[in-house]
């Protein structure tokens, strides 16, 4: 099926956002997609903050975006916007790095006061990068994501159902055939 790049924009090693993404990656893999995880925090800070377009880790990340048919972008909300580490990476990618891609934006946060960050902070940037189709995203409260001692992730029932629907819609959108221009 499709190749999906699953990007965690969290700077934290113990990130609920990253854990949620890896949990959802399993659903996409079960649907037959090849999923490639990318934790932006693993890209050296000096490359991101120094805007080093030629750094091997930045070049590799850009190649992953180029290879993907679809991109899941997950980020925690900080100060009513997506994370700075995600911003730093997106700034280093080519202007139209998302052209021809289907994109699923996911946001996590501590309160529902942050829900608007999805549509008013993240979505405009993804759109400006040329995303062909940005599917309905989803905001998840941190408290709805629980990690067991063995590393397994549990999502609160109502949230789990909503996320499954959003991921399934993304999966279906990945299978869409682009419309061809009418012959004229």
Protein backbone atom coordinates (compact mmCIF):
# COMPACT_ATOMS: atom_id res chain seq x y z
CA UNK A 1 0.00 0.00 0.00
CA UNK A 2 1.39 3.43 0.95
CA UNK A 3 4.53 4.58 2.72
CA UNK A 4 3.68 6.71 5.76
CA UNK A 5 6.13 8.94 7.60
CA UNK A 6 5.04 9.26 11.24
CA UNK A 7 6.63 12.40 12.69
CA UNK A 8 6.73 13.13 16.41
CA UNK A 9 7.40 16.81 17.02
CA UNK A 10 7.90 16.41 20.75
CA UNK A 11 11.22 17.39 22.33
CA UNK A 12 10.63 15.01 25.26
CA UNK A 13 12.08 11.50 25.59
CA UNK A 14 9.01 10.41 27.59
CA UNK A 15 6.57 12.09 25.21
CA UNK A 16 2.92 11.08 25.25
CA UNK A 17 2.71 12.43 21.72
CA UNK A 18 5.40 10.03 20.47
CA UNK A 19 3.83 7.13 22.36
CA UNK A 20 0.43 7.91 20.86
CA UNK A 21 1.94 8.07 17.37
CA UNK A 22 3.70 4.72 17.75
CA UNK A 23 0.41 3.26 18.99
CA UNK A 24 -1.37 4.58 15.88
CA UNK A 25 1.51 3.42 13.65
CA UNK A 26 0.58 -0.14 14.58
CA UNK A 27 -2.94 0.41 13.22
CA UNK A 28 -1.57 1.77 9.94
CA UNK A 29 0.87 -1.14 9.67
CA UNK A 30 -1.99 -3.59 10.27
CA UNK A 31 -3.81 -1.92 7.37
CA UNK A 32 -0.87 -2.79 5.11
CA UNK A 33 1.04 0.50 5.07
CA UNK A 34 4.79 0.78 5.52
CA UNK A 35 5.28 3.14 8.47
CA UNK A 36 8.54 4.97 9.08
CA UNK A 37 8.79 6.67 12.50
CA UNK A 38 10.72 9.93 12.86
CA UNK A 39 11.27 11.56 16.24
CA UNK A 40 12.39 15.11 15.46
CA UNK A 41 14.15 15.31 18.86
CA UNK A 42 16.74 12.82 17.53
CA UNK A 43 17.97 15.32 14.93
CA UNK A 44 20.95 17.18 16.41
CA UNK A 45 19.96 20.52 17.93
CA UNK A 46 22.88 22.28 16.29
CA UNK A 47 21.55 21.23 12.87
CA UNK A 48 18.01 22.41 13.63
CA UNK A 49 18.87 25.63 15.44
CA UNK A 50 21.76 26.46 13.14
CA UNK A 51 19.54 25.95 10.06
CA UNK A 52 22.09 23.53 8.63
CA UNK A 53 20.29 22.34 5.50
CA UNK A 54 23.30 20.16 4.60
CA UNK A 55 23.57 18.31 7.91
CA UNK A 56 23.24 14.56 7.19
CA UNK A 57 20.33 14.18 9.65
CA UNK A 58 18.42 17.04 8.00
CA UNK A 59 19.15 15.66 4.52
CA UNK A 60 17.94 12.23 5.69
CA UNK A 61 14.74 13.70 7.18
CA UNK A 62 14.03 15.57 3.93
CA UNK A 63 14.54 12.33 2.01
CA UNK A 64 12.03 10.56 4.28
CA UNK A 65 9.45 13.27 3.58
CA UNK A 66 10.15 12.97 -0.14
CA UNK A 67 9.74 9.16 -0.06
CA UNK A 68 6.45 9.19 1.86
CA UNK A 69 3.01 9.01 0.28
CA UNK A 70 1.45 10.22 3.50
CA UNK A 71 2.66 12.00 6.63
CA UNK A 72 1.28 11.85 10.15
CA UNK A 73 2.46 14.90 12.11
CA UNK A 74 2.04 14.75 15.86
CA UNK A 75 2.94 17.54 18.24
CA UNK A 76 2.31 18.65 21.77
CA UNK A 77 0.93 22.16 22.19
CA UNK A 78 3.18 24.78 23.76
CA UNK A 79 2.01 28.40 24.11
CA UNK A 80 -0.99 27.77 21.83
CA UNK A 81 1.14 26.43 18.96
CA UNK A 82 2.98 23.33 17.79
CA UNK A 83 6.43 22.58 19.23
CA UNK A 84 9.51 24.62 18.42
CA UNK A 85 11.50 21.52 17.48
CA UNK A 86 8.85 20.65 14.87
CA UNK A 87 8.91 24.25 13.61
CA UNK A 88 12.70 24.09 13.28
CA UNK A 89 12.47 20.94 11.14
CA UNK A 90 9.62 22.21 8.96
CA UNK A 91 11.63 25.39 8.32
CA UNK A 92 14.53 23.31 6.97
CA UNK A 93 12.43 21.27 4.54
CA UNK A 94 11.87 22.39 0.96
CA UNK A 95 8.97 24.86 0.61
CA UNK A 96 6.72 22.24 -1.01
CA UNK A 97 7.92 19.19 0.91
CA UNK A 98 4.31 18.06 1.38
CA UNK A 99 3.24 18.43 -2.26
CA UNK A 100 1.50 15.28 -3.42
CA UNK A 101 1.14 14.04 0.17
CA UNK A 102 -1.86 13.20 2.30
CA UNK A 103 -1.31 14.58 5.81
CA UNK A 104 -2.88 13.71 9.16
CA UNK A 105 -2.26 16.35 11.87
CA UNK A 106 -2.49 15.19 15.49
CA UNK A 107 -2.08 17.40 18.56
CA UNK A 108 -1.80 16.57 22.26
CA UNK A 109 -2.24 18.95 25.16
CA UNK A 110 -3.09 19.36 28.80
CA UNK A 111 -6.44 21.08 28.33
CA UNK A 112 -9.09 21.59 25.70
CA UNK A 113 -8.07 25.26 25.64
CA UNK A 114 -5.35 24.11 23.21
CA UNK A 115 -7.63 22.45 20.67
CA UNK A 116 -7.54 25.44 18.29
CA UNK A 117 -3.78 25.01 17.80
CA UNK A 118 -4.63 22.21 15.38
CA UNK A 119 -6.53 24.39 12.91
CA UNK A 120 -5.04 27.81 13.60
CA UNK A 121 -1.34 27.02 14.08
CA UNK A 122 -0.47 23.64 12.52
CA UNK A 123 -2.86 23.29 9.57
CA UNK A 124 -1.87 26.61 7.89
CA UNK A 125 1.81 25.60 7.89
CA UNK A 126 1.04 22.18 6.44
CA UNK A 127 -1.10 23.83 3.79
CA UNK A 128 1.66 26.33 2.92
CA UNK A 129 4.01 23.40 2.38
CA UNK A 130 1.78 22.15 -0.43
CA UNK A 131 0.00 19.23 1.21
CA UNK A 132 -2.34 17.77 -1.40
CA UNK A 133 -4.90 16.60 1.16
CA UNK A 134 -4.94 17.40 4.87
CA UNK A 135 -7.46 15.05 6.44
CA UNK A 136 -9.41 15.80 9.59
CA UNK A 137 -6.94 16.00 12.46
CA UNK A 138 -7.49 15.24 16.11
CA UNK A 139 -6.66 16.78 19.48
CA UNK A 140 -6.03 14.36 22.34
CA UNK A 141 -5.83 15.29 26.01
CA UNK A 142 -2.64 14.10 27.72
CA UNK A 143 -4.71 12.46 30.46
CA UNK A 144 -6.31 10.18 27.82
CA UNK A 145 -2.94 8.58 26.99
CA UNK A 146 -1.63 6.07 29.55
CA UNK A 147 1.61 4.12 29.37
CA UNK A 148 1.97 0.82 31.23
CA UNK A 149 5.26 -0.28 32.83
CA UNK A 150 5.85 -2.62 29.85
CA UNK A 151 5.66 0.37 27.47
CA UNK A 152 2.25 -0.45 26.04
CA UNK A 153 -0.09 2.45 25.44
CA UNK A 154 -3.76 2.68 26.33
CA UNK A 155 -6.00 5.44 25.04
CA UNK A 156 -9.24 6.34 26.85
CA UNK A 157 -12.19 4.58 25.16
CA UNK A 158 -13.98 7.58 23.60
CA UNK A 159 -10.71 9.05 22.39
CA UNK A 160 -9.53 5.68 21.08
CA UNK A 161 -12.67 5.33 18.96
CA UNK A 162 -12.32 8.84 17.54
CA UNK A 163 -8.63 8.33 16.77
CA UNK A 164 -9.36 5.00 15.07
CA UNK A 165 -11.87 6.78 12.83
CA UNK A 166 -9.43 9.58 11.98
CA UNK A 167 -6.61 7.11 11.24
CA UNK A 168 -8.93 4.99 9.10
CA UNK A 169 -10.02 8.06 7.12
CA UNK A 170 -6.35 8.91 6.59
CA UNK A 171 -5.70 5.35 5.42
CA UNK A 172 -8.57 5.55 2.93
CA UNK A 173 -7.35 8.95 1.70
CA UNK A 174 -3.91 7.43 1.04
CA UNK A 175 -5.53 5.07 -1.44
CA UNK A 176 -7.14 7.86 -3.44
CA UNK A 177 -6.10 8.22 -7.04
CA UNK A 178 -5.35 11.83 -7.91
CA UNK A 179 -7.76 13.35 -10.40
CA UNK A 180 -6.27 13.92 -13.81
CA UNK A 181 -6.74 17.22 -15.55
CA UNK A 182 -9.47 17.12 -18.16
CA UNK A 183 -8.18 16.78 -21.71
CA UNK A 184 -8.82 19.95 -23.53
